[in-house]
């Protein structure tokens, strides 16, 4: 499953500290790659446009030094996939959860 999204993010003011939380919401679009077998008939339709959904996210950035920081972020996507199957089309709800963590460096 491939998903692309456009998000709006609000970052709370740092107020001189090192921790900066943020939250966001966005519009998601899905491009699934469907491979399926229905009644012993195989179908592979490749990547196809599927439909819209939404994304919610939240996290925080912690500044370790002037140039180095660490972050943690969680995202939830929800939408509906419409895919070609052997003999027609199918529709199924999509729910995904992503957790991200990393280190960043400011140039």
PDB file of N, CA and C in Angstrom:
ATOM      1  N   UNK A   1       0.851  -1.173   0.000  1.00  0.00           N
ATOM      2  CA  UNK A   1       0.000   0.000   0.000  1.00  0.00           C
ATOM      3  C   UNK A   1       0.891   1.228   0.000  1.00  0.00           C
ATOM      4  N   UNK A   2       0.613   2.124  -0.893  1.00  0.00           N
ATOM      5  CA  UNK A   2       1.293   3.412  -0.913  1.00  0.00           C
ATOM      6  C   UNK A   2       0.281   4.483  -0.549  1.00  0.00           C
ATOM      7  N   UNK A   3       0.728   5.436   0.222  1.00  0.00           N
ATOM      8  CA  UNK A   3      -0.140   6.534   0.615  1.00  0.00           C
ATOM      9  C   UNK A   3       0.645   7.836   0.520  1.00  0.00           C
ATOM     10  N   UNK A   4       0.002   8.860   0.007  1.00  0.00           N
ATOM     11  CA  UNK A   4       0.559  10.211  -0.018  1.00  0.00           C
ATOM     12  C   UNK A   4      -0.379  11.109   0.755  1.00  0.00           C
ATOM     13  N   UNK A   5       0.163  12.090   1.449  1.00  0.00           N
ATOM     14  CA  UNK A   5      -0.715  12.958   2.232  1.00  0.00           C
ATOM     15  C   UNK A   5      -0.205  14.391   2.240  1.00  0.00           C
ATOM     16  N   UNK A   6      -1.134  15.291   2.426  1.00  0.00           N
ATOM     17  CA  UNK A   6      -0.844  16.713   2.629  1.00  0.00           C
ATOM     18  C   UNK A   6      -1.365  17.034   4.016  1.00  0.00           C
ATOM     19  N   UNK A   7      -0.479  17.545   4.872  1.00  0.00           N
ATOM     20  CA  UNK A   7      -0.824  17.755   6.277  1.00  0.00           C
ATOM     21  C   UNK A   7      -0.637  19.204   6.699  1.00  0.00           C
ATOM     22  N   UNK A   8      -1.460  19.609   7.638  1.00  0.00           N
ATOM     23  CA  UNK A   8      -1.261  20.858   8.361  1.00  0.00           C
ATOM     24  C   UNK A   8      -0.749  20.493   9.744  1.00  0.00           C
ATOM     25  N   UNK A   9       0.314  21.171  10.179  1.00  0.00           N
ATOM     26  CA  UNK A   9       0.930  20.829  11.469  1.00  0.00           C
ATOM     27  C   UNK A   9       1.006  22.068  12.347  1.00  0.00           C
ATOM     28  N   UNK A  10       0.646  21.905  13.612  1.00  0.00           N
ATOM     29  CA  UNK A  10       0.787  22.971  14.605  1.00  0.00           C
ATOM     30  C   UNK A  10       1.904  22.586  15.569  1.00  0.00           C
ATOM     31  N   UNK A  11       2.878  23.474  15.724  1.00  0.00           N
ATOM     32  CA  UNK A  11       3.981  23.259  16.670  1.00  0.00           C
ATOM     33  C   UNK A  11       3.816  24.258  17.819  1.00  0.00           C
ATOM     34  N   UNK A  12       3.798  23.737  19.035  1.00  0.00           N
ATOM     35  CA  UNK A  12       3.680  24.605  20.187  1.00  0.00           C
ATOM     36  C   UNK A  12       4.991  25.359  20.387  1.00  0.00           C
ATOM     37  N   UNK A  13       4.898  26.557  20.917  1.00  0.00           N
ATOM     38  CA  UNK A  13       6.072  27.394  21.146  1.00  0.00           C
ATOM     39  C   UNK A  13       7.033  26.711  22.117  1.00  0.00           C
ATOM     40  N   UNK A  14       8.315  26.841  21.827  1.00  0.00           N
ATOM     41  CA  UNK A  14       9.367  26.195  22.615  1.00  0.00           C
ATOM     42  C   UNK A  14       9.563  26.872  23.968  1.00  0.00           C
ATOM     43  N   UNK A  15       9.385  28.164  24.026  1.00  0.00           N
ATOM     44  CA  UNK A  15       9.516  28.951  25.261  1.00  0.00           C
ATOM     45  C   UNK A  15      10.863  28.746  25.948  1.00  0.00           C
ATOM     46  N   UNK A  16      11.926  28.617  25.160  1.00  0.00           N
ATOM     47  CA  UNK A  16      13.266  28.510  25.714  1.00  0.00           C
ATOM     48  C   UNK A  16      13.667  27.118  26.158  1.00  0.00           C
ATOM     49  N   UNK A  17      12.756  26.179  26.158  1.00  0.00           N
ATOM     50  CA  UNK A  17      13.075  24.813  26.562  1.00  0.00           C
ATOM     51  C   UNK A  17      13.594  23.986  25.400  1.00  0.00           C
ATOM     52  N   UNK A  18      13.796  22.718  25.648  1.00  0.00           N
ATOM     53  CA  UNK A  18      14.326  21.820  24.614  1.00  0.00           C
ATOM     54  C   UNK A  18      13.234  20.981  23.946  1.00  0.00           C
ATOM     55  N   UNK A  19      12.077  20.835  24.580  1.00  0.00           N
ATOM     56  CA  UNK A  19      11.020  19.969  24.078  1.00  0.00           C
ATOM     57  C   UNK A  19       9.983  20.780  23.312  1.00  0.00           C
ATOM     58  N   UNK A  20       9.644  20.319  22.093  1.00  0.00           N
ATOM     59  CA  UNK A  20       8.659  21.024  21.269  1.00  0.00           C
ATOM     60  C   UNK A  20       7.643  20.018  20.703  1.00  0.00           C
ATOM     61  N   UNK A  21       6.456  19.913  21.296  1.00  0.00           N
ATOM     62  CA  UNK A  21       5.436  18.997  20.786  1.00  0.00           C
ATOM     63  C   UNK A  21       4.739  19.569  19.550  1.00  0.00           C
ATOM     64  N   UNK A  22       4.143  18.676  18.752  1.00  0.00           N
ATOM     65  CA  UNK A  22       3.387  19.102  17.577  1.00  0.00           C
ATOM     66  C   UNK A  22       2.276  18.097  17.286  1.00  0.00           C
ATOM     67  N   UNK A  23       1.272  18.562  16.537  1.00  0.00           N
ATOM     68  CA  UNK A  23       0.146  17.720  16.131  1.00  0.00           C
ATOM     69  C   UNK A  23      -0.304  18.169  14.751  1.00  0.00           C
ATOM     70  N   UNK A  24      -0.914  17.241  14.002  1.00  0.00           N
ATOM     71  CA  UNK A  24      -1.360  17.600  12.668  1.00  0.00           C
ATOM     72  C   UNK A  24      -2.491  16.731  12.166  1.00  0.00           C
ATOM     73  N   UNK A  25      -3.078  17.177  11.080  1.00  0.00           N
ATOM     74  CA  UNK A  25      -4.146  16.459  10.405  1.00  0.00           C
ATOM     75  C   UNK A  25      -3.971  16.676   8.910  1.00  0.00           C
ATOM     76  N   UNK A  26      -4.359  15.681   8.109  1.00  0.00           N
ATOM     77  CA  UNK A  26      -4.181  15.838   6.678  1.00  0.00           C
ATOM     78  C   UNK A  26      -5.088  14.960   5.848  1.00  0.00           C
ATOM     79  N   UNK A  27      -5.060  15.228   4.556  1.00  0.00           N
ATOM     80  CA  UNK A  27      -5.793  14.472   3.558  1.00  0.00           C
ATOM     81  C   UNK A  27      -4.847  13.443   2.947  1.00  0.00           C
ATOM     82  N   UNK A  28      -5.266  12.194   2.902  1.00  0.00           N
ATOM     83  CA  UNK A  28      -4.430  11.103   2.373  1.00  0.00           C
ATOM     84  C   UNK A  28      -5.050  10.563   1.088  1.00  0.00           C
ATOM     85  N   UNK A  29      -4.192  10.026   0.195  1.00  0.00           N
ATOM     86  CA  UNK A  29      -4.656   9.363  -1.025  1.00  0.00           C
ATOM     87  C   UNK A  29      -3.907   8.037  -1.154  1.00  0.00           C
ATOM     88  N   UNK A  30      -4.620   6.974  -1.522  1.00  0.00           N
ATOM     89  CA  UNK A  30      -4.063   5.622  -1.527  1.00  0.00           C
ATOM     90  C   UNK A  30      -3.838   5.088  -2.941  1.00  0.00           C
ATOM     91  N   UNK A  31      -2.702   4.368  -3.116  1.00  0.00           N
ATOM     92  CA  UNK A  31      -2.350   3.661  -4.351  1.00  0.00           C
ATOM     93  C   UNK A  31      -1.974   2.224  -3.994  1.00  0.00           C
ATOM     94  N   UNK A  32      -2.951   1.331  -3.853  1.00  0.00           N
ATOM     95  CA  UNK A  32      -2.603  -0.048  -3.501  1.00  0.00           C
ATOM     96  C   UNK A  32      -2.142  -0.852  -4.722  1.00  0.00           C
ATOM     97  N   UNK A  33      -1.421  -1.905  -4.443  1.00  0.00           N
ATOM     98  CA  UNK A  33      -1.020  -2.893  -5.454  1.00  0.00           C
ATOM     99  C   UNK A  33      -1.757  -4.166  -5.095  1.00  0.00           C
ATOM    100  N   UNK A  34      -2.793  -4.507  -5.867  1.00  0.00           N
ATOM    101  CA  UNK A  34      -3.618  -5.645  -5.475  1.00  0.00           C
ATOM    102  C   UNK A  34      -3.219  -6.907  -6.226  1.00  0.00           C
ATOM    103  N   UNK A  35      -2.972  -7.941  -5.454  1.00  0.00           N
ATOM    104  CA  UNK A  35      -2.726  -9.292  -5.962  1.00  0.00           C
ATOM    105  C   UNK A  35      -3.718 -10.189  -5.247  1.00  0.00           C
ATOM    106  N   UNK A  36      -4.542 -10.901  -6.003  1.00  0.00           N
ATOM    107  CA  UNK A  36      -5.584 -11.681  -5.352  1.00  0.00           C
ATOM    108  C   UNK A  36      -5.952 -12.907  -6.172  1.00  0.00           C
ATOM    109  N   UNK A  37      -6.621 -13.854  -5.494  1.00  0.00           N
ATOM    110  CA  UNK A  37      -7.176 -15.052  -6.125  1.00  0.00           C
ATOM    111  C   UNK A  37      -8.607 -15.208  -5.627  1.00  0.00           C
ATOM    112  N   UNK A  38      -9.552 -15.237  -6.562  1.00  0.00           N
ATOM    113  CA  UNK A  38     -10.959 -15.399  -6.226  1.00  0.00           C
ATOM    114  C   UNK A  38     -11.490 -16.582  -7.035  1.00  0.00           C
ATOM    115  N   UNK A  39     -12.035 -17.579  -6.369  1.00  0.00           N
ATOM    116  CA  UNK A  39     -12.536 -18.796  -7.038  1.00  0.00           C
ATOM    117  C   UNK A  39     -11.482 -19.392  -7.964  1.00  0.00           C
ATOM    118  N   UNK A  40     -10.249 -19.486  -7.468  1.00  0.00           N
ATOM    119  CA  UNK A  40      -9.103 -20.043  -8.201  1.00  0.00           C
ATOM    120  C   UNK A  40      -8.702 -19.252  -9.445  1.00  0.00           C
ATOM    121  N   UNK A  41      -9.168 -18.009  -9.566  1.00  0.00           N
ATOM    122  CA  UNK A  41      -8.773 -17.129 -10.667  1.00  0.00           C
ATOM    123  C   UNK A  41      -7.846 -16.063 -10.084  1.00  0.00           C
ATOM    124  N   UNK A  42      -6.622 -16.009 -10.592  1.00  0.00           N
ATOM    125  CA  UNK A  42      -5.644 -15.035 -10.092  1.00  0.00           C
ATOM    126  C   UNK A  42      -5.775 -13.706 -10.823  1.00  0.00           C
ATOM    127  N   UNK A  43      -5.461 -12.639 -10.103  1.00  0.00           N
ATOM    128  CA  UNK A  43      -5.513 -11.295 -10.669  1.00  0.00           C
ATOM    129  C   UNK A  43      -4.404 -10.458 -10.045  1.00  0.00           C
ATOM    130  N   UNK A  44      -3.679  -9.733 -10.859  1.00  0.00           N
ATOM    131  CA  UNK A  44      -2.702  -8.750 -10.382  1.00  0.00           C
ATOM    132  C   UNK A  44      -2.889  -7.510 -11.224  1.00  0.00           C
ATOM    133  N   UNK A  45      -3.458  -6.481 -10.598  1.00  0.00           N
ATOM    134  CA  UNK A  45      -3.800  -5.281 -11.358  1.00  0.00           C
ATOM    135  C   UNK A  45      -2.732  -4.198 -11.259  1.00  0.00           C
ATOM    136  N   UNK A  46      -1.655  -4.424 -10.522  1.00  0.00           N
ATOM    137  CA  UNK A  46      -0.615  -3.406 -10.381  1.00  0.00           C
ATOM    138  C   UNK A  46      -1.072  -2.279  -9.466  1.00  0.00           C
ATOM    139  N   UNK A  47      -0.334  -1.189  -9.487  1.00  0.00           N
ATOM    140  CA  UNK A  47      -0.673  -0.028  -8.668  1.00  0.00           C
ATOM    141  C   UNK A  47      -1.797   0.746  -9.331  1.00  0.00           C
ATOM    142  N   UNK A  48      -2.856   1.040  -8.563  1.00  0.00           N
ATOM    143  CA  UNK A  48      -4.009   1.780  -9.083  1.00  0.00           C
ATOM    144  C   UNK A  48      -4.446   2.820  -8.064  1.00  0.00           C
ATOM    145  N   UNK A  49      -4.951   3.933  -8.538  1.00  0.00           N
ATOM    146  CA  UNK A  49      -5.544   4.930  -7.654  1.00  0.00           C
ATOM    147  C   UNK A  49      -6.727   4.302  -6.940  1.00  0.00           C
ATOM    148  N   UNK A  50      -6.862   4.625  -5.651  1.00  0.00           N
ATOM    149  CA  UNK A  50      -7.881   3.930  -4.881  1.00  0.00           C
ATOM    150  C   UNK A  50      -8.868   4.849  -4.187  1.00  0.00           C
ATOM    151  N   UNK A  51      -8.434   5.939  -3.632  1.00  0.00           N
ATOM    152  CA  UNK A  51      -9.375   6.822  -2.950  1.00  0.00           C
ATOM    153  C   UNK A  51      -8.729   7.617  -1.840  1.00  0.00           C
ATOM    154  N   UNK A  52      -9.548   8.460  -1.240  1.00  0.00           N
ATOM    155  CA  UNK A  52      -9.078   9.383  -0.213  1.00  0.00           C
ATOM    156  C   UNK A  52      -9.327   8.844   1.190  1.00  0.00           C
ATOM    157  N   UNK A  53      -8.572   9.391   2.121  1.00  0.00           N
ATOM    158  CA  UNK A  53      -8.722   9.101   3.535  1.00  0.00           C
ATOM    159  C   UNK A  53      -8.172  10.276   4.315  1.00  0.00           C
ATOM    160  N   UNK A  54      -7.897  10.056   5.585  1.00  0.00           N
ATOM    161  CA  UNK A  54      -7.327  11.126   6.402  1.00  0.00           C
ATOM    162  C   UNK A  54      -6.154  10.584   7.206  1.00  0.00           C
ATOM    163  N   UNK A  55      -5.347  11.501   7.705  1.00  0.00           N
ATOM    164  CA  UNK A  55      -4.203  11.151   8.545  1.00  0.00           C
ATOM    165  C   UNK A  55      -4.187  12.071   9.764  1.00  0.00           C
ATOM    166  N   UNK A  56      -3.971  11.499  10.928  1.00  0.00           N
ATOM    167  CA  UNK A  56      -3.763  12.246  12.165  1.00  0.00           C
ATOM    168  C   UNK A  56      -2.355  11.940  12.637  1.00  0.00           C
ATOM    169  N   UNK A  57      -1.655  12.935  13.168  1.00  0.00           N
ATOM    170  CA  UNK A  57      -0.295  12.695  13.645  1.00  0.00           C
ATOM    171  C   UNK A  57       0.014  13.558  14.856  1.00  0.00           C
ATOM    172  N   UNK A  58       0.979  13.105  15.619  1.00  0.00           N
ATOM    173  CA  UNK A  58       1.434  13.848  16.777  1.00  0.00           C
ATOM    174  C   UNK A  58       2.819  13.373  17.161  1.00  0.00           C
ATOM    175  N   UNK A  59       3.560  14.255  17.792  1.00  0.00           N
ATOM    176  CA  UNK A  59       4.900  13.876  18.202  1.00  0.00           C
ATOM    177  C   UNK A  59       5.577  14.998  18.952  1.00  0.00           C
ATOM    178  N   UNK A  60       6.873  14.822  19.131  1.00  0.00           N
ATOM    179  CA  UNK A  60       7.659  15.870  19.772  1.00  0.00           C
ATOM    180  C   UNK A  60       9.081  15.830  19.244  1.00  0.00           C
ATOM    181  N   UNK A  61       9.722  16.978  19.311  1.00  0.00           N
ATOM    182  CA  UNK A  61      11.131  17.115  18.957  1.00  0.00           C
ATOM    183  C   UNK A  61      11.860  17.558  20.218  1.00  0.00           C
ATOM    184  N   UNK A  62      12.976  16.922  20.508  1.00  0.00           N
ATOM    185  CA  UNK A  62      13.784  17.274  21.669  1.00  0.00           C
ATOM    186  C   UNK A  62      15.160  17.713  21.183  1.00  0.00           C
ATOM    187  N   UNK A  63      15.524  18.952  21.497  1.00  0.00           N
ATOM    188  CA  UNK A  63      16.810  19.504  21.077  1.00  0.00           C
ATOM    189  C   UNK A  63      17.908  19.048  22.037  1.00  0.00           C
ATOM    190  N   UNK A  64      18.847  18.240  21.514  1.00  0.00           N
ATOM    191  CA  UNK A  64      19.960  17.741  22.321  1.00  0.00           C
ATOM    192  C   UNK A  64      21.084  18.769  22.421  1.00  0.00           C
ATOM    193  N   UNK A  65      21.302  19.518  21.339  1.00  0.00           N
ATOM    194  CA  UNK A  65      22.290  20.597  21.297  1.00  0.00           C
ATOM    195  C   UNK A  65      21.795  21.624  20.289  1.00  0.00           C
ATOM    196  N   UNK A  66      22.623  22.611  19.975  1.00  0.00           N
ATOM    197  CA  UNK A  66      22.210  23.647  19.025  1.00  0.00           C
ATOM    198  C   UNK A  66      21.899  23.073  17.638  1.00  0.00           C
ATOM    199  N   UNK A  67      22.612  22.033  17.227  1.00  0.00           N
ATOM    200  CA  UNK A  67      22.452  21.475  15.880  1.00  0.00           C
ATOM    201  C   UNK A  67      21.843  20.069  15.835  1.00  0.00           C
ATOM    202  N   UNK A  68      21.807  19.358  16.945  1.00  0.00           N
ATOM    203  CA  UNK A  68      21.352  17.968  16.950  1.00  0.00           C
ATOM    204  C   UNK A  68      20.079  17.837  17.790  1.00  0.00           C
ATOM    205  N   UNK A  69      19.124  17.075  17.265  1.00  0.00           N
ATOM    206  CA  UNK A  69      17.880  16.832  17.976  1.00  0.00           C
ATOM    207  C   UNK A  69      17.402  15.410  17.756  1.00  0.00           C
ATOM    208  N   UNK A  70      16.399  15.025  18.500  1.00  0.00           N
ATOM    209  CA  UNK A  70      15.770  13.710  18.356  1.00  0.00           C
ATOM    210  C   UNK A  70      14.261  13.927  18.287  1.00  0.00           C
ATOM    211  N   UNK A  71      13.575  13.020  17.614  1.00  0.00           N
ATOM    212  CA  UNK A  71      12.128  13.157  17.504  1.00  0.00           C
ATOM    213  C   UNK A  71      11.441  11.806  17.622  1.00  0.00           C
ATOM    214  N   UNK A  72      10.180  11.854  18.010  1.00  0.00           N
ATOM    215  CA  UNK A  72       9.285  10.700  18.008  1.00  0.00           C
ATOM    216  C   UNK A  72       7.965  11.170  17.441  1.00  0.00           C
ATOM    217  N   UNK A  73       7.368  10.363  16.557  1.00  0.00           N
ATOM    218  CA  UNK A  73       6.110  10.736  15.920  1.00  0.00           C
ATOM    219  C   UNK A  73       5.241   9.504  15.743  1.00  0.00           C
ATOM    220  N   UNK A  74       3.941   9.670  15.909  1.00  0.00           N
ATOM    221  CA  UNK A  74       2.975   8.602  15.658  1.00  0.00           C
ATOM    222  C   UNK A  74       1.938   9.118  14.664  1.00  0.00           C
ATOM    223  N   UNK A  75       1.548   8.245  13.712  1.00  0.00           N
ATOM    224  CA  UNK A  75       0.562   8.614  12.696  1.00  0.00           C
ATOM    225  C   UNK A  75      -0.502   7.529  12.609  1.00  0.00           C
ATOM    226  N   UNK A  76      -1.718   7.935  12.330  1.00  0.00           N
ATOM    227  CA  UNK A  76      -2.831   7.028  12.072  1.00  0.00           C
ATOM    228  C   UNK A  76      -3.450   7.436  10.749  1.00  0.00           C
ATOM    229  N   UNK A  77      -3.612   6.486   9.838  1.00  0.00           N
ATOM    230  CA  UNK A  77      -4.284   6.709   8.557  1.00  0.00           C
ATOM    231  C   UNK A  77      -5.581   5.921   8.545  1.00  0.00           C
ATOM    232  N   UNK A  78      -6.595   6.457   7.892  1.00  0.00           N
ATOM    233  CA  UNK A  78      -7.857   5.749   7.733  1.00  0.00           C
ATOM    234  C   UNK A  78      -8.472   6.144   6.404  1.00  0.00           C
ATOM    235  N   UNK A  79      -8.993   5.147   5.692  1.00  0.00           N
ATOM    236  CA  UNK A  79      -9.625   5.396   4.402  1.00  0.00           C
ATOM    237  C   UNK A  79     -10.256   4.121   3.887  1.00  0.00           C
ATOM    238  N   UNK A  80     -10.568   4.112   2.600  1.00  0.00           N
ATOM    239  CA  UNK A  80     -11.164   2.952   1.954  1.00  0.00           C
ATOM    240  C   UNK A  80     -10.397   2.634   0.688  1.00  0.00           C
ATOM    241  N   UNK A  81     -10.027   1.376   0.511  1.00  0.00           N
ATOM    242  CA  UNK A  81      -9.343   0.937  -0.709  1.00  0.00           C
ATOM    243  C   UNK A  81     -10.361   0.308  -1.644  1.00  0.00           C
ATOM    244  N   UNK A  82     -10.313   0.730  -2.886  1.00  0.00           N
ATOM    245  CA  UNK A  82     -11.139   0.130  -3.943  1.00  0.00           C
ATOM    246  C   UNK A  82     -10.170  -0.500  -4.926  1.00  0.00           C
ATOM    247  N   UNK A  83     -10.213  -1.836  -5.044  1.00  0.00           N
ATOM    248  CA  UNK A  83      -9.233  -2.550  -5.873  1.00  0.00           C
ATOM    249  C   UNK A  83      -9.934  -3.472  -6.868  1.00  0.00           C
ATOM    250  N   UNK A  84      -9.245  -3.715  -7.978  1.00  0.00           N
ATOM    251  CA  UNK A  84      -9.719  -4.698  -8.949  1.00  0.00           C
ATOM    252  C   UNK A  84      -9.416  -6.094  -8.429  1.00  0.00           C
ATOM    253  N   UNK A  85     -10.396  -6.975  -8.560  1.00  0.00           N
ATOM    254  CA  UNK A  85     -10.197  -8.380  -8.214  1.00  0.00           C
ATOM    255  C   UNK A  85     -10.646  -9.232  -9.401  1.00  0.00           C
ATOM    256  N   UNK A  86     -10.297 -10.495  -9.367  1.00  0.00           N
ATOM    257  CA  UNK A  86     -10.745 -11.401 -10.431  1.00  0.00           C
ATOM    258  C   UNK A  86     -12.272 -11.394 -10.477  1.00  0.00           C
ATOM    259  N   UNK A  87     -12.821 -10.945 -11.581  1.00  0.00           N
ATOM    260  CA  UNK A  87     -14.273 -10.921 -11.736  1.00  0.00           C
ATOM    261  C   UNK A  87     -14.951  -9.642 -11.298  1.00  0.00           C
ATOM    262  N   UNK A  88     -14.211  -8.598 -10.947  1.00  0.00           N
ATOM    263  CA  UNK A  88     -14.874  -7.349 -10.561  1.00  0.00           C
ATOM    264  C   UNK A  88     -14.012  -6.444  -9.715  1.00  0.00           C
ATOM    265  N   UNK A  89     -14.658  -5.790  -8.741  1.00  0.00           N
ATOM    266  CA  UNK A  89     -13.968  -4.885  -7.832  1.00  0.00           C
ATOM    267  C   UNK A  89     -14.356  -5.198  -6.399  1.00  0.00           C
ATOM    268  N   UNK A  90     -13.486  -4.807  -5.475  1.00  0.00           N
ATOM    269  CA  UNK A  90     -13.743  -4.984  -4.041  1.00  0.00           C
ATOM    270  C   UNK A  90     -13.408  -3.694  -3.320  1.00  0.00           C
ATOM    271  N   UNK A  91     -13.983  -3.535  -2.162  1.00  0.00           N
ATOM    272  CA  UNK A  91     -13.745  -2.353  -1.336  1.00  0.00           C
ATOM    273  C   UNK A  91     -13.500  -2.821   0.098  1.00  0.00           C
ATOM    274  N   UNK A  92     -12.479  -2.254   0.743  1.00  0.00           N
ATOM    275  CA  UNK A  92     -12.168  -2.644   2.108  1.00  0.00           C
ATOM    276  C   UNK A  92     -11.676  -1.431   2.892  1.00  0.00           C
ATOM    277  N   UNK A  93     -11.992  -1.353   4.177  1.00  0.00           N
ATOM    278  CA  UNK A  93     -11.484  -0.244   4.982  1.00  0.00           C
ATOM    279  C   UNK A  93      -9.990  -0.400   5.249  1.00  0.00           C
ATOM    280  N   UNK A  94      -9.293   0.725   5.317  1.00  0.00           N
ATOM    281  CA  UNK A  94      -7.860   0.745   5.629  1.00  0.00           C
ATOM    282  C   UNK A  94      -7.649   1.462   6.948  1.00  0.00           C
ATOM    283  N   UNK A  95      -6.859   0.871   7.824  1.00  0.00           N
ATOM    284  CA  UNK A  95      -6.465   1.495   9.084  1.00  0.00           C
ATOM    285  C   UNK A  95      -5.001   1.141   9.302  1.00  0.00           C
ATOM    286  N   UNK A  96      -4.131   2.137   9.355  1.00  0.00           N
ATOM    287  CA  UNK A  96      -2.715   1.870   9.598  1.00  0.00           C
ATOM    288  C   UNK A  96      -2.216   2.757  10.724  1.00  0.00           C
ATOM    289  N   UNK A  97      -1.217   2.263  11.439  1.00  0.00           N
ATOM    290  CA  UNK A  97      -0.570   3.009  12.514  1.00  0.00           C
ATOM    291  C   UNK A  97       0.935   2.977  12.245  1.00  0.00           C
ATOM    292  N   UNK A  98       1.568   4.130  12.360  1.00  0.00           N
ATOM    293  CA  UNK A  98       3.006   4.237  12.124  1.00  0.00           C
ATOM    294  C   UNK A  98       3.649   4.919  13.329  1.00  0.00           C
ATOM    295  N   UNK A  99       4.770   4.407  13.758  1.00  0.00           N
ATOM    296  CA  UNK A  99       5.569   5.037  14.803  1.00  0.00           C
ATOM    297  C   UNK A  99       6.954   5.300  14.218  1.00  0.00           C
ATOM    298  N   UNK A 100       7.440   6.526  14.367  1.00  0.00           N
ATOM    299  CA  UNK A 100       8.724   6.935  13.807  1.00  0.00           C
ATOM    300  C   UNK A 100       9.582   7.540  14.896  1.00  0.00           C
ATOM    301  N   UNK A 101      10.866   7.308  14.817  1.00  0.00           N
ATOM    302  CA  UNK A 101      11.817   7.930  15.738  1.00  0.00           C
ATOM    303  C   UNK A 101      13.101   8.169  14.975  1.00  0.00           C
ATOM    304  N   UNK A 102      13.817   9.227  15.337  1.00  0.00           N
ATOM    305  CA  UNK A 102      15.053   9.498  14.631  1.00  0.00           C
ATOM    306  C   UNK A 102      15.852  10.625  15.249  1.00  0.00           C
ATOM    307  N   UNK A 103      16.963  10.885  14.623  1.00  0.00           N
ATOM    308  CA  UNK A 103      17.873  11.957  15.035  1.00  0.00           C
ATOM    309  C   UNK A 103      18.004  12.906  13.850  1.00  0.00           C
ATOM    310  N   UNK A 104      18.060  14.197  14.122  1.00  0.00           N
ATOM    311  CA  UNK A 104      18.230  15.164  13.031  1.00  0.00           C
ATOM    312  C   UNK A 104      19.430  16.070  13.313  1.00  0.00           C
ATOM    313  N   UNK A 105      19.945  16.633  12.231  1.00  0.00           N
ATOM    314  CA  UNK A 105      21.078  17.545  12.298  1.00  0.00           C
ATOM    315  C   UNK A 105      20.731  18.803  11.521  1.00  0.00           C
ATOM    316  N   UNK A 106      20.885  19.957  12.126  1.00  0.00           N
ATOM    317  CA  UNK A 106      20.625  21.231  11.476  1.00  0.00           C
ATOM    318  C   UNK A 106      21.898  21.794  10.884  1.00  0.00           C
ATOM    319  N   UNK A 107      21.840  22.145   9.620  1.00  0.00           N
ATOM    320  CA  UNK A 107      23.005  22.737   8.940  1.00  0.00           C
ATOM    321  C   UNK A 107      23.109  24.215   9.186  1.00  0.00           C
TER     322      UNK A 107
END
